[in-house]
């Protein structure tokens, strides 16, 4: 059994609450009848997300543009060959949809937030899928993308499943 830090436990409880709320919403169920993850991003993260180790921004990484996490993380992942991760992170105020990189040592590299987040829970997304979503929808976020009818929630999550969606 893995013991979570108090910040990770808080974020885990938040994901459970949000997933349960969406799964039990009578308004959402008909629209999401074909979804594997009726609870959307929150359910997907509960089932497949992992907690990543927060770390101060490395001295060899330049800070990105504030409020541009998806673009910052994508560009950094492409430039450094690091993993692109999207999920929910808890910073100073509230948990929010966020993107960051993970370096070769498994540490979060978040070049968007100026202060280290308290907790990061996310899934690695292949940069080829991120590029596809950006090219076909014009949106930066891969996990909560309404323009592609939330295709990521309609089948069990895996890298191969995401890559199979690229047209």
Foldseek 3Di string as FASTA:
>chain_A
DDDDDPQVVVVLVVLVVQQVCQVPDPVQCVLCVLFQRSSAQSSLLNVAKDKFAWDAADPVDAADEAPPQLVSALVCCVVPVFFKWWHWFAADPGIDTGIFTADPVRYTRGRHDNDITPIDITDTEDSVLQVQCCVPPVDRDDRDDPSVPRVCRNDRDDNVVSVVPRD
